[in-house]
Amino acid sequence: MLQLSINYHMPGKYHYQLGQQLKALRKRGVLLIGSGNMVHNLSMAGAPGGKRPTMETADEPYGYGWAIEINETFKKLIREKEHKKLTAYQQLGEAAKLAIPTPDHYYPLLYVLGMQENNDQVEIFNDVCLAGSLSMTSVKIG
């Protein structure tokens, strides 16, 4: 297993292109995993009714309107292979800016998308928002 460091100061396109360079490893049978969250705003985490999340409520599905909206947008763009829009997520509006206050949890998705082949199937699973501002949505490519 190899862990990549994320260059926090480079744009999304850089991380996507790095994924494209790693595609050669995939062709050699190497399993590549990106771990992160598309919607990840811990500072806005909450529970229904504006309450603070607790251990009991943290696992209950709950998403703010903007979190659900951008999660749906991300999934649509992934399915349609609109990777350029995903690398420039800041241009997707206020919901994207709220979902990704810092890109460190988002960039692993761009590595994986950069490794995608044209004929790869995309599977979306674990598709749930939690604590209002977190999406545990997962993507399997290939």
C-alpha atoms as a PDB file:
ATOM      1  CA  MET A   1       0.000   0.000   0.000  1.00  0.00           C
ATOM      2  CA  LEU A   2       1.237   3.456  -0.867  1.00  0.00           C
ATOM      3  CA  GLN A   3      -0.162   6.621   0.674  1.00  0.00           C
ATOM      4  CA  LEU A   4       0.005   9.795  -1.375  1.00  0.00           C
ATOM      5  CA  SER A   5       0.607  13.130   0.239  1.00  0.00           C
ATOM      6  CA  ILE A   6      -1.800  15.809  -0.879  1.00  0.00           C
ATOM      7  CA  ASN A   7      -0.258  19.039  -2.067  1.00  0.00           C
ATOM      8  CA  TYR A   8      -2.781  21.341  -0.467  1.00  0.00           C
ATOM      9  CA  HIS A   9      -1.597  24.340  -2.480  1.00  0.00           C
ATOM     10  CA  MET A  10      -2.106  22.824  -5.936  1.00  0.00           C
ATOM     11  CA  PRO A  11      -5.439  23.069  -7.787  1.00  0.00           C
ATOM     12  CA  GLY A  12      -7.813  20.199  -8.455  1.00  0.00           C
ATOM     13  CA  LYS A  13      -6.541  19.794 -12.009  1.00  0.00           C
ATOM     14  CA  TYR A  14      -3.078  18.905 -10.651  1.00  0.00           C
ATOM     15  CA  HIS A  15      -4.517  16.109  -8.503  1.00  0.00           C
ATOM     16  CA  TYR A  16      -6.622  14.799 -11.371  1.00  0.00           C
ATOM     17  CA  GLN A  17      -3.573  14.724 -13.662  1.00  0.00           C
ATOM     18  CA  LEU A  18      -1.605  12.855 -10.995  1.00  0.00           C
ATOM     19  CA  GLY A  19      -4.383  10.257 -11.006  1.00  0.00           C
ATOM     20  CA  GLN A  20      -4.024   9.978 -14.782  1.00  0.00           C
ATOM     21  CA  GLN A  21      -0.324   9.256 -14.342  1.00  0.00           C
ATOM     22  CA  LEU A  22      -1.134   6.546 -11.784  1.00  0.00           C
ATOM     23  CA  LYS A  23      -3.444   4.838 -14.280  1.00  0.00           C
ATOM     24  CA  ALA A  24      -0.469   2.782 -15.489  1.00  0.00           C
ATOM     25  CA  LEU A  25      -0.350   1.059 -12.085  1.00  0.00           C
ATOM     26  CA  ARG A  26      -3.986   0.105 -12.404  1.00  0.00           C
ATOM     27  CA  LYS A  27      -3.273  -1.520 -15.763  1.00  0.00           C
ATOM     28  CA  ARG A  28      -0.659  -3.647 -13.984  1.00  0.00           C
ATOM     29  CA  GLY A  29      -3.254  -4.994 -11.544  1.00  0.00           C
ATOM     30  CA  VAL A  30      -2.624  -2.632  -8.654  1.00  0.00           C
ATOM     31  CA  LEU A  31      -5.714  -1.785  -6.595  1.00  0.00           C
ATOM     32  CA  LEU A  32      -5.939   1.957  -6.013  1.00  0.00           C
ATOM     33  CA  ILE A  33      -8.139   3.465  -3.302  1.00  0.00           C
ATOM     34  CA  GLY A  34      -8.978   7.109  -2.647  1.00  0.00           C
ATOM     35  CA  SER A  35     -10.327   7.866   0.801  1.00  0.00           C
ATOM     36  CA  GLY A  36     -12.112  11.113   1.557  1.00  0.00           C
ATOM     37  CA  ASN A  37     -15.477  12.828   1.491  1.00  0.00           C
ATOM     38  CA  MET A  38     -17.177  14.831  -1.229  1.00  0.00           C
ATOM     39  CA  VAL A  39     -19.169  16.786   1.362  1.00  0.00           C
ATOM     40  CA  HIS A  40     -17.045  17.442   4.423  1.00  0.00           C
ATOM     41  CA  ASN A  41     -17.733  20.502   6.551  1.00  0.00           C
ATOM     42  CA  LEU A  42     -17.164  19.566  10.173  1.00  0.00           C
ATOM     43  CA  SER A  43     -17.603  23.138  11.381  1.00  0.00           C
ATOM     44  CA  MET A  44     -21.244  23.041  10.260  1.00  0.00           C
ATOM     45  CA  ALA A  45     -22.082  19.556  11.576  1.00  0.00           C
ATOM     46  CA  GLY A  46     -25.452  19.432  13.260  1.00  0.00           C
ATOM     47  CA  ALA A  47     -28.503  17.339  13.971  1.00  0.00           C
ATOM     48  CA  PRO A  48     -32.151  17.818  13.022  1.00  0.00           C
ATOM     49  CA  GLY A  49     -33.678  20.846  14.700  1.00  0.00           C
ATOM     50  CA  GLY A  50     -30.339  22.674  14.830  1.00  0.00           C
ATOM     51  CA  LYS A  51     -29.067  20.576  17.723  1.00  0.00           C
ATOM     52  CA  ARG A  52     -25.488  19.454  18.189  1.00  0.00           C
ATOM     53  CA  PRO A  53     -24.855  15.901  16.973  1.00  0.00           C
ATOM     54  CA  THR A  54     -24.395  13.314  19.693  1.00  0.00           C
ATOM     55  CA  MET A  55     -23.096   9.755  19.596  1.00  0.00           C
ATOM     56  CA  GLU A  56     -26.731   8.637  19.330  1.00  0.00           C
ATOM     57  CA  THR A  57     -27.618  10.969  16.436  1.00  0.00           C
ATOM     58  CA  ALA A  58     -24.316  10.948  14.509  1.00  0.00           C
ATOM     59  CA  ASP A  59     -25.294   7.861  12.488  1.00  0.00           C
ATOM     60  CA  GLU A  60     -28.803   9.081  11.649  1.00  0.00           C
ATOM     61  CA  PRO A  61     -29.140  10.093   7.990  1.00  0.00           C
ATOM     62  CA  TYR A  62     -29.524  13.863   7.875  1.00  0.00           C
ATOM     63  CA  GLY A  63     -28.312  16.471   5.422  1.00  0.00           C
ATOM     64  CA  TYR A  64     -28.745  20.195   5.019  1.00  0.00           C
ATOM     65  CA  GLY A  65     -30.357  21.259   1.746  1.00  0.00           C
ATOM     66  CA  TRP A  66     -27.069  22.506   0.291  1.00  0.00           C
ATOM     67  CA  ALA A  67     -25.267  19.276   1.268  1.00  0.00           C
ATOM     68  CA  ILE A  68     -27.888  17.109  -0.429  1.00  0.00           C
ATOM     69  CA  GLU A  69     -27.911  19.401  -3.478  1.00  0.00           C
ATOM     70  CA  ILE A  70     -24.146  19.320  -4.044  1.00  0.00           C
ATOM     71  CA  ASN A  71     -23.920  15.597  -3.282  1.00  0.00           C
ATOM     72  CA  GLU A  72     -26.472  15.015  -6.077  1.00  0.00           C
ATOM     73  CA  THR A  73     -24.533  17.348  -8.386  1.00  0.00           C
ATOM     74  CA  PHE A  74     -21.262  15.544  -7.674  1.00  0.00           C
ATOM     75  CA  LYS A  75     -22.844  12.143  -8.375  1.00  0.00           C
ATOM     76  CA  LYS A  76     -24.367  13.401 -11.645  1.00  0.00           C
ATOM     77  CA  LEU A  77     -21.030  14.821 -12.797  1.00  0.00           C
ATOM     78  CA  ILE A  78     -19.223  11.587 -11.844  1.00  0.00           C
ATOM     79  CA  ARG A  79     -21.727   9.456 -13.767  1.00  0.00           C
ATOM     80  CA  GLU A  80     -21.498  11.758 -16.798  1.00  0.00           C
ATOM     81  CA  LYS A  81     -17.675  11.822 -16.607  1.00  0.00           C
ATOM     82  CA  GLU A  82     -17.662  15.611 -16.294  1.00  0.00           C
ATOM     83  CA  HIS A  83     -14.298  15.492 -14.588  1.00  0.00           C
ATOM     84  CA  LYS A  84     -13.237  18.983 -15.627  1.00  0.00           C
ATOM     85  CA  LYS A  85     -16.155  20.467 -13.682  1.00  0.00           C
ATOM     86  CA  LEU A  86     -15.243  18.352 -10.667  1.00  0.00           C
ATOM     87  CA  THR A  87     -11.629  19.555 -10.724  1.00  0.00           C
ATOM     88  CA  ALA A  88     -12.904  23.151 -10.697  1.00  0.00           C
ATOM     89  CA  TYR A  89     -15.461  22.486  -7.941  1.00  0.00           C
ATOM     90  CA  GLN A  90     -15.214  26.091  -6.688  1.00  0.00           C
ATOM     91  CA  GLN A  91     -17.141  27.130  -9.800  1.00  0.00           C
ATOM     92  CA  LEU A  92     -20.101  24.892  -8.902  1.00  0.00           C
ATOM     93  CA  GLY A  93     -21.577  27.538  -6.598  1.00  0.00           C
ATOM     94  CA  GLU A  94     -22.054  28.240  -2.932  1.00  0.00           C
ATOM     95  CA  ALA A  95     -23.118  24.680  -2.076  1.00  0.00           C
ATOM     96  CA  ALA A  96     -19.747  23.375  -3.324  1.00  0.00           C
ATOM     97  CA  LYS A  97     -17.875  25.986  -1.302  1.00  0.00           C
ATOM     98  CA  LEU A  98     -19.791  24.974   1.831  1.00  0.00           C
ATOM     99  CA  ALA A  99     -19.221  21.268   1.099  1.00  0.00           C
ATOM    100  CA  ILE A 100     -15.484  21.699   0.582  1.00  0.00           C
ATOM    101  CA  PRO A 101     -14.177  24.377   2.935  1.00  0.00           C
ATOM    102  CA  THR A 102     -10.739  22.773   2.561  1.00  0.00           C
ATOM    103  CA  PRO A 103      -9.913  20.402  -0.326  1.00  0.00           C
ATOM    104  CA  ASP A 104      -7.872  17.773   1.540  1.00  0.00           C
ATOM    105  CA  HIS A 105     -10.863  15.432   1.925  1.00  0.00           C
ATOM    106  CA  TYR A 106     -12.009  16.017  -1.661  1.00  0.00           C
ATOM    107  CA  TYR A 107      -8.780  15.573  -3.635  1.00  0.00           C
ATOM    108  CA  PRO A 108      -8.649  11.744  -3.275  1.00  0.00           C
ATOM    109  CA  LEU A 109     -11.769  11.598  -5.455  1.00  0.00           C
ATOM    110  CA  LEU A 110      -9.897  13.438  -8.198  1.00  0.00           C
ATOM    111  CA  TYR A 111      -7.053  10.886  -8.117  1.00  0.00           C
ATOM    112  CA  VAL A 112      -9.557   8.075  -8.627  1.00  0.00           C
ATOM    113  CA  LEU A 113     -11.408   9.914 -11.397  1.00  0.00           C
ATOM    114  CA  GLY A 114      -8.096  10.550 -13.140  1.00  0.00           C
ATOM    115  CA  MET A 115      -7.553   6.781 -13.282  1.00  0.00           C
ATOM    116  CA  GLN A 116     -10.945   6.104 -14.870  1.00  0.00           C
ATOM    117  CA  GLU A 117     -11.027   4.465 -18.298  1.00  0.00           C
ATOM    118  CA  ASN A 118     -13.761   5.337 -20.818  1.00  0.00           C
ATOM    119  CA  ASN A 119     -15.491   1.961 -20.515  1.00  0.00           C
ATOM    120  CA  ASP A 120     -15.341   1.717 -16.698  1.00  0.00           C
ATOM    121  CA  GLN A 121     -18.583   1.209 -14.844  1.00  0.00           C
ATOM    122  CA  VAL A 122     -19.343   3.615 -12.008  1.00  0.00           C
ATOM    123  CA  GLU A 123     -21.073   2.410  -8.871  1.00  0.00           C
ATOM    124  CA  ILE A 124     -22.311   4.820  -6.203  1.00  0.00           C
ATOM    125  CA  PHE A 125     -22.872   3.291  -2.773  1.00  0.00           C
ATOM    126  CA  ASN A 126     -23.035   4.229   0.915  1.00  0.00           C
ATOM    127  CA  ASP A 127     -24.907   7.279  -0.340  1.00  0.00           C
ATOM    128  CA  VAL A 128     -26.036   9.063   2.794  1.00  0.00           C
ATOM    129  CA  CYS A 129     -25.564  12.445   4.407  1.00  0.00           C
ATOM    130  CA  LEU A 130     -24.842  12.559   8.132  1.00  0.00           C
ATOM    131  CA  ALA A 131     -24.684  15.337  10.717  1.00  0.00           C
ATOM    132  CA  GLY A 132     -26.078  17.754   8.157  1.00  0.00           C
ATOM    133  CA  SER A 133     -22.787  18.562   6.454  1.00  0.00           C
ATOM    134  CA  LEU A 134     -21.044  15.229   5.771  1.00  0.00           C
ATOM    135  CA  SER A 135     -21.573  12.821   2.902  1.00  0.00           C
ATOM    136  CA  MET A 136     -20.396   9.270   3.224  1.00  0.00           C
ATOM    137  CA  THR A 137     -21.130   8.679  -0.464  1.00  0.00           C
ATOM    138  CA  SER A 138     -18.638   6.282  -2.018  1.00  0.00           C
ATOM    139  CA  VAL A 139     -17.679   5.690  -5.634  1.00  0.00           C
ATOM    140  CA  LYS A 140     -16.373   2.483  -7.189  1.00  0.00           C
ATOM    141  CA  ILE A 141     -14.879   2.716 -10.653  1.00  0.00           C
ATOM    142  CA  GLY A 142     -14.016  -0.291 -12.753  1.00  0.00           C
END
